[in-house]
Amino acid sequence: MKHQRHPCPVCGSSATLPFESDDLADDAQPVAEIVLGTLLFFLALFAVFLFFLLSHASLPAAVLLLMTVFLFWRRRQEKRRQAKMRPRAYVCLDCSHNFMA
């Protein structure tokens, strides 16, 4: 990811970096959560597969499922786009001033 330079509003230096807090560094998920989430995902896929095999309404259900997945994907992309436009905290390496840019 390319870092965009934001000059410090106090001293005008371009030696700035995004501010990283120790509170934000603990975003790692435990391995058990990842494994259980993956297992749940595959169980859900298996349940949908069984529903399609045993149901006469599989075509309308498939269309609804595809529409739901598409809308979920589209909302996720929109959230990512908005997160990129949100101002971030930066710190100047020369004068140690924190600012939003």
C-alpha atoms as a PDB file:
ATOM      1  CA  MET A   1       0.000   0.000   0.000  1.00  0.00           C
ATOM      2  CA  LYS A   2       1.434   3.345  -1.009  1.00  0.00           C
ATOM      3  CA  HIS A   3       1.867   5.941   1.727  1.00  0.00           C
ATOM      4  CA  GLN A   4       0.612   9.400   0.808  1.00  0.00           C
ATOM      5  CA  ARG A   5       2.715  12.218   2.277  1.00  0.00           C
ATOM      6  CA  HIS A   6       0.945  14.803   4.422  1.00  0.00           C
ATOM      7  CA  PRO A   7       3.075  17.785   5.550  1.00  0.00           C
ATOM      8  CA  CYS A   8       2.970  18.742   9.219  1.00  0.00           C
ATOM      9  CA  PRO A   9       0.742  21.815   9.763  1.00  0.00           C
ATOM     10  CA  VAL A  10       3.036  23.083  12.568  1.00  0.00           C
ATOM     11  CA  CYS A  11       6.564  22.828  11.133  1.00  0.00           C
ATOM     12  CA  GLY A  12       5.833  22.019   7.466  1.00  0.00           C
ATOM     13  CA  SER A  13       8.001  18.899   7.508  1.00  0.00           C
ATOM     14  CA  SER A  14       7.119  16.039   5.161  1.00  0.00           C
ATOM     15  CA  ALA A  15       8.584  13.464   7.567  1.00  0.00           C
ATOM     16  CA  THR A  16       5.217  12.203   8.788  1.00  0.00           C
ATOM     17  CA  LEU A  17       3.845   8.726   9.391  1.00  0.00           C
ATOM     18  CA  PRO A  18       0.388   7.346  10.179  1.00  0.00           C
ATOM     19  CA  PHE A  19      -0.077   7.232  13.951  1.00  0.00           C
ATOM     20  CA  GLU A  20      -0.265   3.699  15.324  1.00  0.00           C
ATOM     21  CA  SER A  21      -1.693   3.199  18.768  1.00  0.00           C
ATOM     22  CA  ASP A  22      -0.989   0.151  20.915  1.00  0.00           C
ATOM     23  CA  ASP A  23      -4.758  -0.206  21.395  1.00  0.00           C
ATOM     24  CA  LEU A  24      -5.223  -0.786  17.669  1.00  0.00           C
ATOM     25  CA  ALA A  25      -2.403  -3.332  17.442  1.00  0.00           C
ATOM     26  CA  ASP A  26      -4.363  -6.010  19.342  1.00  0.00           C
ATOM     27  CA  ASP A  27      -6.755  -6.751  16.469  1.00  0.00           C
ATOM     28  CA  ALA A  28      -5.469 -10.293  15.941  1.00  0.00           C
ATOM     29  CA  GLN A  29      -8.148 -12.957  16.220  1.00  0.00           C
ATOM     30  CA  PRO A  30      -7.455 -16.152  18.154  1.00  0.00           C
ATOM     31  CA  VAL A  31      -6.863 -19.269  16.073  1.00  0.00           C
ATOM     32  CA  ALA A  32      -9.945 -20.942  17.559  1.00  0.00           C
ATOM     33  CA  GLU A  33     -12.193 -18.140  16.258  1.00  0.00           C
ATOM     34  CA  ILE A  34     -10.779 -18.473  12.758  1.00  0.00           C
ATOM     35  CA  VAL A  35     -11.165 -22.266  12.735  1.00  0.00           C
ATOM     36  CA  LEU A  36     -14.723 -22.137  14.099  1.00  0.00           C
ATOM     37  CA  GLY A  37     -15.666 -19.394  11.636  1.00  0.00           C
ATOM     38  CA  THR A  38     -14.347 -21.455   8.728  1.00  0.00           C
ATOM     39  CA  LEU A  39     -16.141 -24.573   9.980  1.00  0.00           C
ATOM     40  CA  LEU A  40     -19.394 -22.642  10.330  1.00  0.00           C
ATOM     41  CA  PHE A  41     -19.013 -21.262   6.809  1.00  0.00           C
ATOM     42  CA  PHE A  42     -18.569 -24.737   5.307  1.00  0.00           C
ATOM     43  CA  LEU A  43     -21.472 -26.128   7.338  1.00  0.00           C
ATOM     44  CA  ALA A  44     -23.672 -23.339   6.020  1.00  0.00           C
ATOM     45  CA  LEU A  45     -22.611 -24.158   2.446  1.00  0.00           C
ATOM     46  CA  PHE A  46     -23.423 -27.824   3.049  1.00  0.00           C
ATOM     47  CA  ALA A  47     -26.860 -26.900   4.443  1.00  0.00           C
ATOM     48  CA  VAL A  48     -27.597 -24.783   1.354  1.00  0.00           C
ATOM     49  CA  PHE A  49     -26.461 -27.635  -0.881  1.00  0.00           C
ATOM     50  CA  LEU A  50     -28.789 -30.078   0.912  1.00  0.00           C
ATOM     51  CA  PHE A  51     -31.653 -27.586   0.645  1.00  0.00           C
ATOM     52  CA  PHE A  52     -31.140 -27.331  -3.120  1.00  0.00           C
ATOM     53  CA  LEU A  53     -31.063 -31.108  -3.507  1.00  0.00           C
ATOM     54  CA  LEU A  54     -34.200 -31.757  -1.442  1.00  0.00           C
ATOM     55  CA  SER A  55     -36.345 -28.800  -2.472  1.00  0.00           C
ATOM     56  CA  HIS A  56     -38.543 -28.100  -5.468  1.00  0.00           C
ATOM     57  CA  ALA A  57     -38.012 -24.386  -4.907  1.00  0.00           C
ATOM     58  CA  SER A  58     -34.279 -24.531  -5.488  1.00  0.00           C
ATOM     59  CA  LEU A  59     -34.196 -22.133  -8.465  1.00  0.00           C
ATOM     60  CA  PRO A  60     -35.951 -19.215  -6.680  1.00  0.00           C
ATOM     61  CA  ALA A  61     -33.887 -19.906  -3.562  1.00  0.00           C
ATOM     62  CA  ALA A  62     -30.683 -19.864  -5.638  1.00  0.00           C
ATOM     63  CA  VAL A  63     -31.635 -16.519  -7.168  1.00  0.00           C
ATOM     64  CA  LEU A  64     -32.366 -15.052  -3.723  1.00  0.00           C
ATOM     65  CA  LEU A  65     -29.090 -16.441  -2.380  1.00  0.00           C
ATOM     66  CA  LEU A  66     -27.106 -14.966  -5.279  1.00  0.00           C
ATOM     67  CA  MET A  67     -28.776 -11.580  -4.825  1.00  0.00           C
ATOM     68  CA  THR A  68     -28.020 -11.642  -1.092  1.00  0.00           C
ATOM     69  CA  VAL A  69     -24.366 -12.502  -1.653  1.00  0.00           C
ATOM     70  CA  PHE A  70     -24.024  -9.817  -4.330  1.00  0.00           C
ATOM     71  CA  LEU A  71     -25.577  -7.134  -2.105  1.00  0.00           C
ATOM     72  CA  PHE A  72     -23.377  -8.178   0.839  1.00  0.00           C
ATOM     73  CA  TRP A  73     -20.266  -7.954  -1.361  1.00  0.00           C
ATOM     74  CA  ARG A  74     -21.327  -4.561  -2.702  1.00  0.00           C
ATOM     75  CA  ARG A  75     -21.918  -3.154   0.822  1.00  0.00           C
ATOM     76  CA  ARG A  76     -18.519  -4.454   1.911  1.00  0.00           C
ATOM     77  CA  GLN A  77     -16.839  -2.698  -1.025  1.00  0.00           C
ATOM     78  CA  GLU A  78     -18.660   0.534  -0.149  1.00  0.00           C
ATOM     79  CA  LYS A  79     -17.474   0.342   3.483  1.00  0.00           C
ATOM     80  CA  ARG A  80     -13.874  -0.121   2.307  1.00  0.00           C
ATOM     81  CA  ARG A  81     -14.172   2.898   0.012  1.00  0.00           C
ATOM     82  CA  GLN A  82     -15.526   5.045   2.855  1.00  0.00           C
ATOM     83  CA  ALA A  83     -12.784   3.859   5.211  1.00  0.00           C
ATOM     84  CA  LYS A  84     -10.125   5.020   2.750  1.00  0.00           C
ATOM     85  CA  MET A  85     -11.671   8.506   2.627  1.00  0.00           C
ATOM     86  CA  ARG A  86     -11.848   8.863   6.425  1.00  0.00           C
ATOM     87  CA  PRO A  87      -9.171  11.163   7.926  1.00  0.00           C
ATOM     88  CA  ARG A  88      -6.391   9.375   9.791  1.00  0.00           C
ATOM     89  CA  ALA A  89      -4.131  10.418  12.637  1.00  0.00           C
ATOM     90  CA  TYR A  90      -0.537  11.252  11.672  1.00  0.00           C
ATOM     91  CA  VAL A  91       2.561  12.084  13.709  1.00  0.00           C
ATOM     92  CA  CYS A  92       5.407  14.376  12.637  1.00  0.00           C
ATOM     93  CA  LEU A  93       8.831  12.799  13.112  1.00  0.00           C
ATOM     94  CA  ASP A  94      10.547  16.197  13.477  1.00  0.00           C
ATOM     95  CA  CYS A  95       8.365  18.020  16.025  1.00  0.00           C
ATOM     96  CA  SER A  96       6.281  15.064  17.353  1.00  0.00           C
ATOM     97  CA  HIS A  97       3.016  16.884  16.618  1.00  0.00           C
ATOM     98  CA  ASN A  98      -0.102  14.724  16.115  1.00  0.00           C
ATOM     99  CA  PHE A  99      -2.589  15.849  13.448  1.00  0.00           C
ATOM    100  CA  MET A 100      -5.457  14.535  11.339  1.00  0.00           C
ATOM    101  CA  ALA A 101      -5.164  14.384   7.547  1.00  0.00           C
END
